[in-house]
Amino acid sequence: MMTTQEVAVRLCQHCRDGTEERGIEELYSREIVSVEPMAGHGRDPVSKGVDALKEKHKWWAENYEVHSTGVEGPYINGDKFSVVFDVDVSERASGQRWRAKEVALYEVEDGKIVRESFFMAPME
């Protein structure tokens, strides 16, 4: 079983490498709860279960073009860790491009991520 630090380091590496889908399979609990500060039109800001998380990632990829992602961290405290993301994206439908910073807080139990919560700074 991985420690919180090992999970955190591996998650950050997947984010840097663009291999988030592999990270989901490897590091997340089947019962993951993911909480977003805002959700797309008609979407629930809370995703429950690994299938819902995968669907959220699929929706994001279909609706946004990512120009760059910065990953800062992880910052570890007991069974939790945080990561700061700096994203530069364009909405595919409108072409509107924006940058945002987001802090993610992850909770680990039995070597798996069981909850992730995102906190967003105002967009530029």
C-alpha atoms as a PDB file:
ATOM      1  CA  MET A   1       0.000   0.000   0.000  1.00  0.00           C
ATOM      2  CA  MET A   2       1.341   3.429  -0.946  1.00  0.00           C
ATOM      3  CA  THR A   3       1.848   6.205   1.581  1.00  0.00           C
ATOM      4  CA  THR A   4       0.174   9.587   1.164  1.00  0.00           C
ATOM      5  CA  GLN A   5       3.492  11.016  -0.007  1.00  0.00           C
ATOM      6  CA  GLU A   6       3.914   8.293  -2.634  1.00  0.00           C
ATOM      7  CA  VAL A   7       0.351   8.817  -3.894  1.00  0.00           C
ATOM      8  CA  ALA A   8       0.901  12.585  -4.005  1.00  0.00           C
ATOM      9  CA  VAL A   9       4.173  12.387  -5.915  1.00  0.00           C
ATOM     10  CA  ARG A  10       2.724   9.908  -8.425  1.00  0.00           C
ATOM     11  CA  LEU A  11      -0.402  12.005  -8.987  1.00  0.00           C
ATOM     12  CA  CYS A  12       1.684  15.120  -9.664  1.00  0.00           C
ATOM     13  CA  GLN A  13       3.843  13.167 -12.099  1.00  0.00           C
ATOM     14  CA  HIS A  14       0.756  11.932 -13.982  1.00  0.00           C
ATOM     15  CA  CYS A  15      -0.509  15.525 -14.175  1.00  0.00           C
ATOM     16  CA  ARG A  16       2.841  16.766 -15.485  1.00  0.00           C
ATOM     17  CA  ASP A  17       3.089  13.918 -18.000  1.00  0.00           C
ATOM     18  CA  GLY A  18      -0.511  14.226 -19.252  1.00  0.00           C
ATOM     19  CA  THR A  19      -1.307  10.670 -18.108  1.00  0.00           C
ATOM     20  CA  GLU A  20      -4.203  11.527 -15.796  1.00  0.00           C
ATOM     21  CA  GLU A  21      -6.291   8.574 -17.019  1.00  0.00           C
ATOM     22  CA  ARG A  22      -3.598   6.156 -15.854  1.00  0.00           C
ATOM     23  CA  GLY A  23      -3.431   8.087 -12.596  1.00  0.00           C
ATOM     24  CA  ILE A  24      -7.153   7.595 -12.043  1.00  0.00           C
ATOM     25  CA  GLU A  25      -6.823   3.835 -12.506  1.00  0.00           C
ATOM     26  CA  GLU A  26      -3.741   3.591 -10.309  1.00  0.00           C
ATOM     27  CA  LEU A  27      -4.371   6.064  -7.494  1.00  0.00           C
ATOM     28  CA  TYR A  28      -8.108   6.632  -7.007  1.00  0.00           C
ATOM     29  CA  SER A  29     -10.625   4.738  -4.908  1.00  0.00           C
ATOM     30  CA  ARG A  30     -13.598   3.321  -6.812  1.00  0.00           C
ATOM     31  CA  GLU A  31     -15.736   5.432  -4.425  1.00  0.00           C
ATOM     32  CA  ILE A  32     -13.900   8.723  -5.095  1.00  0.00           C
ATOM     33  CA  VAL A  33     -15.800  11.955  -4.408  1.00  0.00           C
ATOM     34  CA  SER A  34     -14.706  14.927  -6.522  1.00  0.00           C
ATOM     35  CA  VAL A  35     -15.938  18.444  -5.698  1.00  0.00           C
ATOM     36  CA  GLU A  36     -15.518  21.326  -8.178  1.00  0.00           C
ATOM     37  CA  PRO A  37     -15.990  25.041  -7.370  1.00  0.00           C
ATOM     38  CA  MET A  38     -18.188  25.326 -10.453  1.00  0.00           C
ATOM     39  CA  ALA A  39     -19.546  22.887 -12.961  1.00  0.00           C
ATOM     40  CA  GLY A  40     -20.324  23.119 -16.635  1.00  0.00           C
ATOM     41  CA  HIS A  41     -23.839  23.943 -17.780  1.00  0.00           C
ATOM     42  CA  GLY A  42     -26.241  21.318 -16.425  1.00  0.00           C
ATOM     43  CA  ARG A  43     -23.502  19.430 -14.584  1.00  0.00           C
ATOM     44  CA  ASP A  44     -23.324  18.582 -10.891  1.00  0.00           C
ATOM     45  CA  PRO A  45     -20.257  20.059  -9.152  1.00  0.00           C
ATOM     46  CA  VAL A  46     -19.976  16.800  -7.154  1.00  0.00           C
ATOM     47  CA  SER A  47     -18.923  13.600  -8.926  1.00  0.00           C
ATOM     48  CA  LYS A  48     -19.261  10.334  -7.003  1.00  0.00           C
ATOM     49  CA  GLY A  49     -17.482   7.180  -8.078  1.00  0.00           C
ATOM     50  CA  VAL A  50     -14.619   6.529 -10.455  1.00  0.00           C
ATOM     51  CA  ASP A  51     -16.923   6.262 -13.494  1.00  0.00           C
ATOM     52  CA  ALA A  52     -18.349   9.733 -12.781  1.00  0.00           C
ATOM     53  CA  LEU A  53     -14.808  11.066 -12.381  1.00  0.00           C
ATOM     54  CA  LYS A  54     -13.793   9.604 -15.743  1.00  0.00           C
ATOM     55  CA  GLU A  55     -16.894  11.154 -17.318  1.00  0.00           C
ATOM     56  CA  LYS A  56     -15.942  14.545 -15.836  1.00  0.00           C
ATOM     57  CA  HIS A  57     -12.459  14.263 -17.364  1.00  0.00           C
ATOM     58  CA  LYS A  58     -13.959  13.253 -20.723  1.00  0.00           C
ATOM     59  CA  TRP A  59     -16.357  16.231 -20.645  1.00  0.00           C
ATOM     60  CA  TRP A  60     -13.460  18.592 -19.848  1.00  0.00           C
ATOM     61  CA  ALA A  61     -11.361  17.256 -22.765  1.00  0.00           C
ATOM     62  CA  GLU A  62     -14.299  17.580 -25.166  1.00  0.00           C
ATOM     63  CA  ASN A  63     -15.125  21.154 -24.112  1.00  0.00           C
ATOM     64  CA  TYR A  64     -11.728  22.752 -23.448  1.00  0.00           C
ATOM     65  CA  GLU A  65      -8.402  22.952 -25.218  1.00  0.00           C
ATOM     66  CA  VAL A  66      -5.547  23.027 -22.722  1.00  0.00           C
ATOM     67  CA  HIS A  67      -2.612  25.180 -23.858  1.00  0.00           C
ATOM     68  CA  SER A  68      -0.533  24.629 -20.722  1.00  0.00           C
ATOM     69  CA  THR A  69      -0.797  23.325 -17.184  1.00  0.00           C
ATOM     70  CA  GLY A  70       1.560  24.149 -14.358  1.00  0.00           C
ATOM     71  CA  VAL A  71       1.729  21.765 -11.404  1.00  0.00           C
ATOM     72  CA  GLU A  72       3.141  22.986  -8.085  1.00  0.00           C
ATOM     73  CA  GLY A  73       3.540  20.610  -5.192  1.00  0.00           C
ATOM     74  CA  PRO A  74       2.588  18.302  -3.655  1.00  0.00           C
ATOM     75  CA  TYR A  75       2.233  19.771  -0.181  1.00  0.00           C
ATOM     76  CA  ILE A  76       1.603  16.981   2.326  1.00  0.00           C
ATOM     77  CA  ASN A  77      -0.041  16.967   5.758  1.00  0.00           C
ATOM     78  CA  GLY A  78      -0.891  13.583   7.280  1.00  0.00           C
ATOM     79  CA  ASP A  79      -3.418  11.783   5.075  1.00  0.00           C
ATOM     80  CA  LYS A  80      -4.026  14.886   2.924  1.00  0.00           C
ATOM     81  CA  PHE A  81      -2.062  16.725   0.283  1.00  0.00           C
ATOM     82  CA  SER A  82      -2.588  19.733  -1.921  1.00  0.00           C
ATOM     83  CA  VAL A  83      -1.448  20.707  -5.383  1.00  0.00           C
ATOM     84  CA  VAL A  84      -1.597  24.102  -7.099  1.00  0.00           C
ATOM     85  CA  PHE A  85      -2.565  24.039 -10.773  1.00  0.00           C
ATOM     86  CA  ASP A  86      -2.049  26.972 -13.144  1.00  0.00           C
ATOM     87  CA  VAL A  87      -4.025  26.396 -16.343  1.00  0.00           C
ATOM     88  CA  ASP A  88      -4.260  28.195 -19.669  1.00  0.00           C
ATOM     89  CA  VAL A  89      -7.282  26.940 -21.616  1.00  0.00           C
ATOM     90  CA  SER A  90      -9.718  27.863 -24.377  1.00  0.00           C
ATOM     91  CA  GLU A  91     -13.379  26.951 -24.385  1.00  0.00           C
ATOM     92  CA  ARG A  92     -13.938  25.080 -27.634  1.00  0.00           C
ATOM     93  CA  ALA A  93     -17.475  26.414 -28.244  1.00  0.00           C
ATOM     94  CA  SER A  94     -16.699  30.127 -27.867  1.00  0.00           C
ATOM     95  CA  GLY A  95     -12.951  30.225 -28.421  1.00  0.00           C
ATOM     96  CA  GLN A  96     -12.624  32.257 -25.221  1.00  0.00           C
ATOM     97  CA  ARG A  97      -9.184  31.771 -23.693  1.00  0.00           C
ATOM     98  CA  TRP A  98      -8.500  32.172 -19.982  1.00  0.00           C
ATOM     99  CA  ARG A  99      -5.976  31.427 -17.279  1.00  0.00           C
ATOM    100  CA  ALA A 100      -6.829  30.251 -13.802  1.00  0.00           C
ATOM    101  CA  LYS A 101      -5.126  29.052 -10.654  1.00  0.00           C
ATOM    102  CA  GLU A 102      -6.698  26.238  -8.735  1.00  0.00           C
ATOM    103  CA  VAL A 103      -5.776  24.549  -5.471  1.00  0.00           C
ATOM    104  CA  ALA A 104      -6.685  20.885  -5.147  1.00  0.00           C
ATOM    105  CA  LEU A 105      -6.964  19.173  -1.768  1.00  0.00           C
ATOM    106  CA  TYR A 106      -6.743  15.372  -1.839  1.00  0.00           C
ATOM    107  CA  GLU A 107      -7.600  12.933   0.955  1.00  0.00           C
ATOM    108  CA  VAL A 108      -6.001   9.482   1.038  1.00  0.00           C
ATOM    109  CA  GLU A 109      -7.245   6.315   2.773  1.00  0.00           C
ATOM    110  CA  ASP A 110      -5.664   2.876   2.441  1.00  0.00           C
ATOM    111  CA  GLY A 111      -3.273   4.126  -0.239  1.00  0.00           C
ATOM    112  CA  LYS A 112      -5.999   5.532  -2.525  1.00  0.00           C
ATOM    113  CA  ILE A 113      -7.419   9.009  -3.126  1.00  0.00           C
ATOM    114  CA  VAL A 114     -10.956   9.012  -1.695  1.00  0.00           C
ATOM    115  CA  ARG A 115     -11.804  12.721  -2.053  1.00  0.00           C
ATOM    116  CA  GLU A 116     -10.592  15.647  -4.097  1.00  0.00           C
ATOM    117  CA  SER A 117     -11.817  19.211  -3.642  1.00  0.00           C
ATOM    118  CA  PHE A 118     -10.888  22.096  -5.910  1.00  0.00           C
ATOM    119  CA  PHE A 119     -10.660  25.776  -4.980  1.00  0.00           C
ATOM    120  CA  MET A 120     -10.381  28.333  -7.761  1.00  0.00           C
ATOM    121  CA  ALA A 121      -8.960  31.839  -7.756  1.00  0.00           C
ATOM    122  CA  PRO A 122     -10.729  34.449  -9.892  1.00  0.00           C
ATOM    123  CA  MET A 123      -9.989  33.976 -13.595  1.00  0.00           C
ATOM    124  CA  GLU A 124      -7.965  36.483 -15.622  1.00  0.00           C
END
